[in-house]
PDB file of N, CA and C in Angstrom:
ATOM      1  N   MET A   1     -11.817   4.545  -8.463  1.00  0.00           N
ATOM      2  CA  MET A   1     -11.410   3.743  -7.319  1.00  0.00           C
ATOM      3  C   MET A   1     -11.875   4.374  -6.004  1.00  0.00           C
ATOM      4  N   GLY A   2     -12.641   5.450  -6.105  1.00  0.00           N
ATOM      5  CA  GLY A   2     -13.184   6.042  -4.893  1.00  0.00           C
ATOM      6  C   GLY A   2     -12.366   7.179  -4.312  1.00  0.00           C
ATOM      7  N   TYR A   3     -11.374   7.649  -5.028  1.00  0.00           N
ATOM      8  CA  TYR A   3     -10.546   8.747  -4.530  1.00  0.00           C
ATOM      9  C   TYR A   3     -10.903  10.030  -5.270  1.00  0.00           C
ATOM     10  N   ALA A   4     -11.230  11.051  -4.518  1.00  0.00           N
ATOM     11  CA  ALA A   4     -11.567  12.348  -5.096  1.00  0.00           C
ATOM     12  C   ALA A   4     -10.946  13.449  -4.238  1.00  0.00           C
ATOM     13  N   PRO A   5      -9.622  13.586  -4.286  1.00  0.00           N
ATOM     14  CA  PRO A   5      -8.975  14.609  -3.454  1.00  0.00           C
ATOM     15  C   PRO A   5      -9.347  16.014  -3.915  1.00  0.00           C
ATOM     16  N   SER A   6      -9.279  16.941  -2.999  1.00  0.00           N
ATOM     17  CA  SER A   6      -9.606  18.326  -3.327  1.00  0.00           C
ATOM     18  C   SER A   6      -8.563  18.936  -4.264  1.00  0.00           C
ATOM     19  N   ASP A   7      -7.348  18.429  -4.221  1.00  0.00           N
ATOM     20  CA  ASP A   7      -6.284  18.933  -5.083  1.00  0.00           C
ATOM     21  C   ASP A   7      -5.931  17.874  -6.129  1.00  0.00           C
ATOM     22  N   PRO A   8      -6.193  18.135  -7.403  1.00  0.00           N
ATOM     23  CA  PRO A   8      -5.883  17.160  -8.449  1.00  0.00           C
ATOM     24  C   PRO A   8      -4.409  16.764  -8.487  1.00  0.00           C
ATOM     25  N   GLU A   9      -3.544  17.643  -8.000  1.00  0.00           N
ATOM     26  CA  GLU A   9      -2.121  17.322  -7.961  1.00  0.00           C
ATOM     27  C   GLU A   9      -1.844  16.090  -7.094  1.00  0.00           C
ATOM     28  N   ASP A  10      -2.707  15.859  -6.127  1.00  0.00           N
ATOM     29  CA  ASP A  10      -2.559  14.688  -5.270  1.00  0.00           C
ATOM     30  C   ASP A  10      -2.670  13.408  -6.098  1.00  0.00           C
ATOM     31  N   LEU A  11      -3.587  13.396  -7.056  1.00  0.00           N
ATOM     32  CA  LEU A  11      -3.725  12.241  -7.953  1.00  0.00           C
ATOM     33  C   LEU A  11      -2.520  12.114  -8.870  1.00  0.00           C
ATOM     34  N   VAL A  12      -2.048  13.230  -9.390  1.00  0.00           N
ATOM     35  CA  VAL A  12      -0.879  13.218 -10.270  1.00  0.00           C
ATOM     36  C   VAL A  12       0.336  12.707  -9.514  1.00  0.00           C
ATOM     37  N   GLU A  13       0.538  13.207  -8.309  1.00  0.00           N
ATOM     38  CA  GLU A  13       1.679  12.771  -7.498  1.00  0.00           C
ATOM     39  C   GLU A  13       1.584  11.279  -7.199  1.00  0.00           C
ATOM     40  N   SER A  14       0.390  10.811  -6.901  1.00  0.00           N
ATOM     41  CA  SER A  14       0.209   9.391  -6.618  1.00  0.00           C
ATOM     42  C   SER A  14       0.576   8.547  -7.834  1.00  0.00           C
ATOM     43  N   ARG A  15       0.129   8.965  -8.987  1.00  0.00           N
ATOM     44  CA  ARG A  15       0.445   8.229 -10.218  1.00  0.00           C
ATOM     45  C   ARG A  15       1.940   8.258 -10.483  1.00  0.00           C
ATOM     46  N   ASP A  16       2.576   9.391 -10.230  1.00  0.00           N
ATOM     47  CA  ASP A  16       4.025   9.501 -10.404  1.00  0.00           C
ATOM     48  C   ASP A  16       4.778   8.512  -9.515  1.00  0.00           C
ATOM     49  N   HIS A  17       4.186   8.166  -8.384  1.00  0.00           N
ATOM     50  CA  HIS A  17       4.803   7.220  -7.451  1.00  0.00           C
ATOM     51  C   HIS A  17       4.419   5.772  -7.764  1.00  0.00           C
ATOM     52  N   GLY A  18       3.648   5.575  -8.827  1.00  0.00           N
ATOM     53  CA  GLY A  18       3.284   4.222  -9.219  1.00  0.00           C
ATOM     54  C   GLY A  18       1.981   3.712  -8.632  1.00  0.00           C
ATOM     55  N   VAL A  19       1.233   4.605  -8.023  1.00  0.00           N
ATOM     56  CA  VAL A  19      -0.063   4.210  -7.468  1.00  0.00           C
ATOM     57  C   VAL A  19      -1.090   4.355  -8.583  1.00  0.00           C
ATOM     58  N   ASP A  20      -1.547   3.220  -9.084  1.00  0.00           N
ATOM     59  CA  ASP A  20      -2.552   3.197 -10.129  1.00  0.00           C
ATOM     60  C   ASP A  20      -3.696   2.280  -9.695  1.00  0.00           C
ATOM     61  N   PRO A  21      -4.760   2.212 -10.472  1.00  0.00           N
ATOM     62  CA  PRO A  21      -5.888   1.365 -10.062  1.00  0.00           C
ATOM     63  C   PRO A  21      -5.500  -0.082  -9.781  1.00  0.00           C
ATOM     64  N   SER A  22      -4.586  -0.618 -10.539  1.00  0.00           N
ATOM     65  CA  SER A  22      -4.145  -1.993 -10.321  1.00  0.00           C
ATOM     66  C   SER A  22      -3.488  -2.165  -8.951  1.00  0.00           C
ATOM     67  N   TYR A  23      -2.634  -1.217  -8.582  1.00  0.00           N
ATOM     68  CA  TYR A  23      -1.966  -1.281  -7.282  1.00  0.00           C
ATOM     69  C   TYR A  23      -2.980  -1.129  -6.149  1.00  0.00           C
ATOM     70  N   ILE A  24      -3.884  -0.182  -6.285  1.00  0.00           N
ATOM     71  CA  ILE A  24      -4.913   0.028  -5.259  1.00  0.00           C
ATOM     72  C   ILE A  24      -5.746  -1.237  -5.092  1.00  0.00           C
ATOM     73  N   ARG A  25      -6.149  -1.830  -6.207  1.00  0.00           N
ATOM     74  CA  ARG A  25      -6.947  -3.053  -6.183  1.00  0.00           C
ATOM     75  C   ARG A  25      -6.181  -4.197  -5.502  1.00  0.00           C
ATOM     76  N   SER A  26      -4.893  -4.311  -5.792  1.00  0.00           N
ATOM     77  CA  SER A  26      -4.106  -5.400  -5.205  1.00  0.00           C
ATOM     78  C   SER A  26      -4.021  -5.270  -3.685  1.00  0.00           C
ATOM     79  N   LEU A  27      -3.895  -4.054  -3.174  1.00  0.00           N
ATOM     80  CA  LEU A  27      -3.851  -3.881  -1.723  1.00  0.00           C
ATOM     81  C   LEU A  27      -5.227  -4.088  -1.100  1.00  0.00           C
ATOM     82  N   LYS A  28      -6.272  -3.700  -1.824  1.00  0.00           N
ATOM     83  CA  LYS A  28      -7.627  -3.976  -1.336  1.00  0.00           C
ATOM     84  C   LYS A  28      -7.846  -5.477  -1.221  1.00  0.00           C
ATOM     85  N   GLU A  29      -7.389  -6.225  -2.214  1.00  0.00           N
ATOM     86  CA  GLU A  29      -7.520  -7.681  -2.194  1.00  0.00           C
ATOM     87  C   GLU A  29      -6.728  -8.299  -1.047  1.00  0.00           C
ATOM     88  N   ALA A  30      -5.685  -7.615  -0.625  1.00  0.00           N
ATOM     89  CA  ALA A  30      -4.868  -8.090   0.500  1.00  0.00           C
ATOM     90  C   ALA A  30      -5.459  -7.674   1.840  1.00  0.00           C
ATOM     91  N   GLY A  31      -6.591  -6.940   1.803  1.00  0.00           N
ATOM     92  CA  GLY A  31      -7.264  -6.567   3.036  1.00  0.00           C
ATOM     93  C   GLY A  31      -7.077  -5.132   3.473  1.00  0.00           C
ATOM     94  N   TYR A  32      -6.432  -4.325   2.659  1.00  0.00           N
ATOM     95  CA  TYR A  32      -6.186  -2.922   3.004  1.00  0.00           C
ATOM     96  C   TYR A  32      -7.050  -2.040   2.108  1.00  0.00           C
ATOM     97  N   GLU A  33      -8.310  -1.851   2.539  1.00  0.00           N
ATOM     98  CA  GLU A  33      -9.307  -1.215   1.694  1.00  0.00           C
ATOM     99  C   GLU A  33      -9.439   0.285   1.866  1.00  0.00           C
ATOM    100  N   ARG A  34      -9.078   0.822   2.975  1.00  0.00           N
ATOM    101  CA  ARG A  34      -9.350   2.241   3.231  1.00  0.00           C
ATOM    102  C   ARG A  34      -8.064   3.034   3.446  1.00  0.00           C
ATOM    103  N   LEU A  35      -7.117   2.846   2.570  1.00  0.00           N
ATOM    104  CA  LEU A  35      -5.865   3.577   2.690  1.00  0.00           C
ATOM    105  C   LEU A  35      -5.986   4.934   2.009  1.00  0.00           C
ATOM    106  N   SER A  36      -5.358   5.923   2.613  1.00  0.00           N
ATOM    107  CA  SER A  36      -5.326   7.247   1.991  1.00  0.00           C
ATOM    108  C   SER A  36      -4.329   7.218   0.830  1.00  0.00           C
ATOM    109  N   LEU A  37      -4.404   8.227  -0.027  1.00  0.00           N
ATOM    110  CA  LEU A  37      -3.429   8.309  -1.116  1.00  0.00           C
ATOM    111  C   LEU A  37      -2.017   8.428  -0.557  1.00  0.00           C
ATOM    112  N   ARG A  38      -1.864   9.126   0.529  1.00  0.00           N
ATOM    113  CA  ARG A  38      -0.545   9.258   1.164  1.00  0.00           C
ATOM    114  C   ARG A  38      -0.024   7.890   1.599  1.00  0.00           C
ATOM    115  N   GLU A  39      -0.886   7.096   2.234  1.00  0.00           N
ATOM    116  CA  GLU A  39      -0.478   5.758   2.671  1.00  0.00           C
ATOM    117  C   GLU A  39      -0.152   4.870   1.481  1.00  0.00           C
ATOM    118  N   LEU A  40      -0.928   4.980   0.432  1.00  0.00           N
ATOM    119  CA  LEU A  40      -0.660   4.195  -0.771  1.00  0.00           C
ATOM    120  C   LEU A  40       0.686   4.569  -1.386  1.00  0.00           C
ATOM    121  N   ARG A  41       0.990   5.861  -1.438  1.00  0.00           N
ATOM    122  CA  ARG A  41       2.290   6.299  -1.975  1.00  0.00           C
ATOM    123  C   ARG A  41       3.432   5.764  -1.134  1.00  0.00           C
ATOM    124  N   ARG A  42       3.286   5.862   0.190  1.00  0.00           N
ATOM    125  CA  ARG A  42       4.348   5.357   1.078  1.00  0.00           C
ATOM    126  C   ARG A  42       4.557   3.868   0.885  1.00  0.00           C
ATOM    127  N   ALA A  43       3.461   3.130   0.828  1.00  0.00           N
ATOM    128  CA  ALA A  43       3.569   1.681   0.650  1.00  0.00           C
ATOM    129  C   ALA A  43       4.266   1.360  -0.669  1.00  0.00           C
ATOM    130  N   ARG A  44       3.863   2.025  -1.723  1.00  0.00           N
ATOM    131  CA  ARG A  44       4.465   1.787  -3.043  1.00  0.00           C
ATOM    132  C   ARG A  44       5.940   2.149  -3.023  1.00  0.00           C
ATOM    133  N   ASP A  45       6.261   3.304  -2.448  1.00  0.00           N
ATOM    134  CA  ASP A  45       7.652   3.761  -2.393  1.00  0.00           C
ATOM    135  C   ASP A  45       8.549   2.793  -1.619  1.00  0.00           C
ATOM    136  N   HIS A  46       7.979   2.086  -0.668  1.00  0.00           N
ATOM    137  CA  HIS A  46       8.754   1.162   0.159  1.00  0.00           C
ATOM    138  C   HIS A  46       8.702  -0.275  -0.361  1.00  0.00           C
ATOM    139  N   GLY A  47       8.059  -0.472  -1.491  1.00  0.00           N
ATOM    140  CA  GLY A  47       8.057  -1.789  -2.118  1.00  0.00           C
ATOM    141  C   GLY A  47       7.036  -2.769  -1.580  1.00  0.00           C
ATOM    142  N   VAL A  48       6.004  -2.266  -0.925  1.00  0.00           N
ATOM    143  CA  VAL A  48       4.959  -3.144  -0.402  1.00  0.00           C
ATOM    144  C   VAL A  48       4.078  -3.604  -1.554  1.00  0.00           C
ATOM    145  N   THR A  49       3.932  -4.915  -1.668  1.00  0.00           N
ATOM    146  CA  THR A  49       3.073  -5.516  -2.684  1.00  0.00           C
ATOM    147  C   THR A  49       2.097  -6.469  -2.010  1.00  0.00           C
ATOM    148  N   ARG A  50       1.132  -6.912  -2.774  1.00  0.00           N
ATOM    149  CA  ARG A  50       0.189  -7.900  -2.256  1.00  0.00           C
ATOM    150  C   ARG A  50       0.930  -9.177  -1.853  1.00  0.00           C
ATOM    151  N   GLY A  51       1.899  -9.575  -2.646  1.00  0.00           N
ATOM    152  CA  GLY A  51       2.687 -10.757  -2.321  1.00  0.00           C
ATOM    153  C   GLY A  51       3.440 -10.605  -1.013  1.00  0.00           C
ATOM    154  N   PHE A  52       4.008  -9.430  -0.796  1.00  0.00           N
ATOM    155  CA  PHE A  52       4.721  -9.195   0.460  1.00  0.00           C
ATOM    156  C   PHE A  52       3.758  -9.262   1.639  1.00  0.00           C
ATOM    157  N   ILE A  53       2.590  -8.652   1.485  1.00  0.00           N
ATOM    158  CA  ILE A  53       1.598  -8.688   2.562  1.00  0.00           C
ATOM    159  C   ILE A  53       1.204 -10.128   2.862  1.00  0.00           C
ATOM    160  N   GLN A  54       1.063 -10.946   1.835  1.00  0.00           N
ATOM    161  CA  GLN A  54       0.720 -12.345   2.055  1.00  0.00           C
ATOM    162  C   GLN A  54       1.830 -13.068   2.828  1.00  0.00           C
ATOM    163  N   ARG A  55       3.076 -12.777   2.500  1.00  0.00           N
ATOM    164  CA  ARG A  55       4.196 -13.394   3.234  1.00  0.00           C
ATOM    165  C   ARG A  55       4.179 -12.973   4.705  1.00  0.00           C
ATOM    166  N   VAL A  56       3.843 -11.708   4.958  1.00  0.00           N
ATOM    167  CA  VAL A  56       3.744 -11.220   6.335  1.00  0.00           C
ATOM    168  C   VAL A  56       2.674 -12.017   7.074  1.00  0.00           C
ATOM    169  N   LYS A  57       1.524 -12.184   6.456  1.00  0.00           N
ATOM    170  CA  LYS A  57       0.434 -12.942   7.072  1.00  0.00           C
ATOM    171  C   LYS A  57       0.829 -14.405   7.270  1.00  0.00           C
ATOM    172  N   ASP A  58       1.482 -14.990   6.278  1.00  0.00           N
ATOM    173  CA  ASP A  58       1.910 -16.395   6.359  1.00  0.00           C
ATOM    174  C   ASP A  58       2.887 -16.635   7.501  1.00  0.00           C
ATOM    175  N   ARG A  59       3.622 -15.616   7.867  1.00  0.00           N
ATOM    176  CA  ARG A  59       4.593 -15.741   8.962  1.00  0.00           C
ATOM    177  C   ARG A  59       3.982 -15.475  10.331  1.00  0.00           C
ATOM    178  N   GLY A  60       2.666 -15.316  10.347  1.00  0.00           N
ATOM    179  CA  GLY A  60       1.981 -15.207  11.622  1.00  0.00           C
ATOM    180  C   GLY A  60       1.812 -13.811  12.181  1.00  0.00           C
ATOM    181  N   TYR A  61       1.991 -12.806  11.366  1.00  0.00           N
ATOM    182  CA  TYR A  61       1.848 -11.436  11.855  1.00  0.00           C
ATOM    183  C   TYR A  61       0.398 -10.967  11.880  1.00  0.00           C
ATOM    184  N   GLY A  62      -0.529 -11.806  11.443  1.00  0.00           N
ATOM    185  CA  GLY A  62      -1.934 -11.410  11.431  1.00  0.00           C
ATOM    186  C   GLY A  62      -2.180 -10.362  10.371  1.00  0.00           C
ATOM    187  N   LYS A  63      -2.875  -9.299  10.761  1.00  0.00           N
ATOM    188  CA  LYS A  63      -3.119  -8.188   9.834  1.00  0.00           C
ATOM    189  C   LYS A  63      -2.567  -6.907  10.450  1.00  0.00           C
ATOM    190  N   PRO A  64      -1.276  -6.690  10.261  1.00  0.00           N
ATOM    191  CA  PRO A  64      -0.681  -5.470  10.821  1.00  0.00           C
ATOM    192  C   PRO A  64      -1.161  -4.229  10.072  1.00  0.00           C
ATOM    193  N   SER A  65      -1.001  -3.091  10.701  1.00  0.00           N
ATOM    194  CA  SER A  65      -1.342  -1.828  10.031  1.00  0.00           C
ATOM    195  C   SER A  65      -0.407  -1.642   8.839  1.00  0.00           C
ATOM    196  N   ILE A  66      -0.784  -0.768   7.929  1.00  0.00           N
ATOM    197  CA  ILE A  66       0.064  -0.521   6.767  1.00  0.00           C
ATOM    198  C   ILE A  66       1.413   0.049   7.205  1.00  0.00           C
ATOM    199  N   ASP A  67       1.444   0.832   8.276  1.00  0.00           N
ATOM    200  CA  ASP A  67       2.723   1.341   8.790  1.00  0.00           C
ATOM    201  C   ASP A  67       3.616   0.205   9.265  1.00  0.00           C
ATOM    202  N   GLU A  68       3.030  -0.784   9.919  1.00  0.00           N
ATOM    203  CA  GLU A  68       3.808  -1.937  10.377  1.00  0.00           C
ATOM    204  C   GLU A  68       4.318  -2.756   9.195  1.00  0.00           C
ATOM    205  N   VAL A  69       3.492  -2.895   8.163  1.00  0.00           N
ATOM    206  CA  VAL A  69       3.922  -3.620   6.962  1.00  0.00           C
ATOM    207  C   VAL A  69       5.110  -2.905   6.327  1.00  0.00           C
ATOM    208  N   ILE A  70       5.035  -1.587   6.252  1.00  0.00           N
ATOM    209  CA  ILE A  70       6.138  -0.801   5.681  1.00  0.00           C
ATOM    210  C   ILE A  70       7.401  -0.993   6.506  1.00  0.00           C
ATOM    211  N   ARG A  71       7.273  -0.973   7.835  1.00  0.00           N
ATOM    212  CA  ARG A  71       8.452  -1.180   8.701  1.00  0.00           C
ATOM    213  C   ARG A  71       9.053  -2.563   8.478  1.00  0.00           C
ATOM    214  N   LEU A  72       8.211  -3.569   8.364  1.00  0.00           N
ATOM    215  CA  LEU A  72       8.706  -4.923   8.111  1.00  0.00           C
ATOM    216  C   LEU A  72       9.432  -4.995   6.774  1.00  0.00           C
ATOM    217  N   ARG A  73       8.900  -4.330   5.774  1.00  0.00           N
ATOM    218  CA  ARG A  73       9.539  -4.299   4.449  1.00  0.00           C
ATOM    219  C   ARG A  73      10.882  -3.603   4.547  1.00  0.00           C
ATOM    220  N   ASP A  74      10.928  -2.486   5.270  1.00  0.00           N
ATOM    221  CA  ASP A  74      12.178  -1.735   5.410  1.00  0.00           C
ATOM    222  C   ASP A  74      13.239  -2.537   6.152  1.00  0.00           C
ATOM    223  N   ARG A  75      12.801  -3.417   7.048  1.00  0.00           N
ATOM    224  CA  ARG A  75      13.746  -4.236   7.820  1.00  0.00           C
ATOM    225  C   ARG A  75      14.212  -5.460   7.058  1.00  0.00           C
ATOM    226  N   GLY A  76      13.698  -5.639   5.844  1.00  0.00           N
ATOM    227  CA  GLY A  76      14.186  -6.714   4.993  1.00  0.00           C
ATOM    228  C   GLY A  76      13.483  -8.039   5.160  1.00  0.00           C
ATOM    229  N   LEU A  77      12.302  -8.049   5.773  1.00  0.00           N
ATOM    230  CA  LEU A  77      11.561  -9.300   5.846  1.00  0.00           C
ATOM    231  C   LEU A  77      11.289  -9.790   4.434  1.00  0.00           C
ATOM    232  N   ASP A  78      11.642 -11.017   4.177  1.00  0.00           N
ATOM    233  CA  ASP A  78      11.415 -11.591   2.844  1.00  0.00           C
ATOM    234  C   ASP A  78      10.263 -12.507   2.832  1.00  0.00           C
TER     235      ASP A  78
END
């Protein structure tokens, strides 16, 4: 998927948080192509999915940063 961190533990930690190729692909399809492993872990931990991102866009938020998407998720936007 294009990730080659200097520390292999970074990949293990990401997988432990549920970041797998399918999740990475789903966020890429939603328009978030260049996220770091840290950003991917945060998004996953906060429940950000492709469906949630689509709902954010449908409500007129445009294309917010991944941090903004996480904040919206934390605030309970459905």
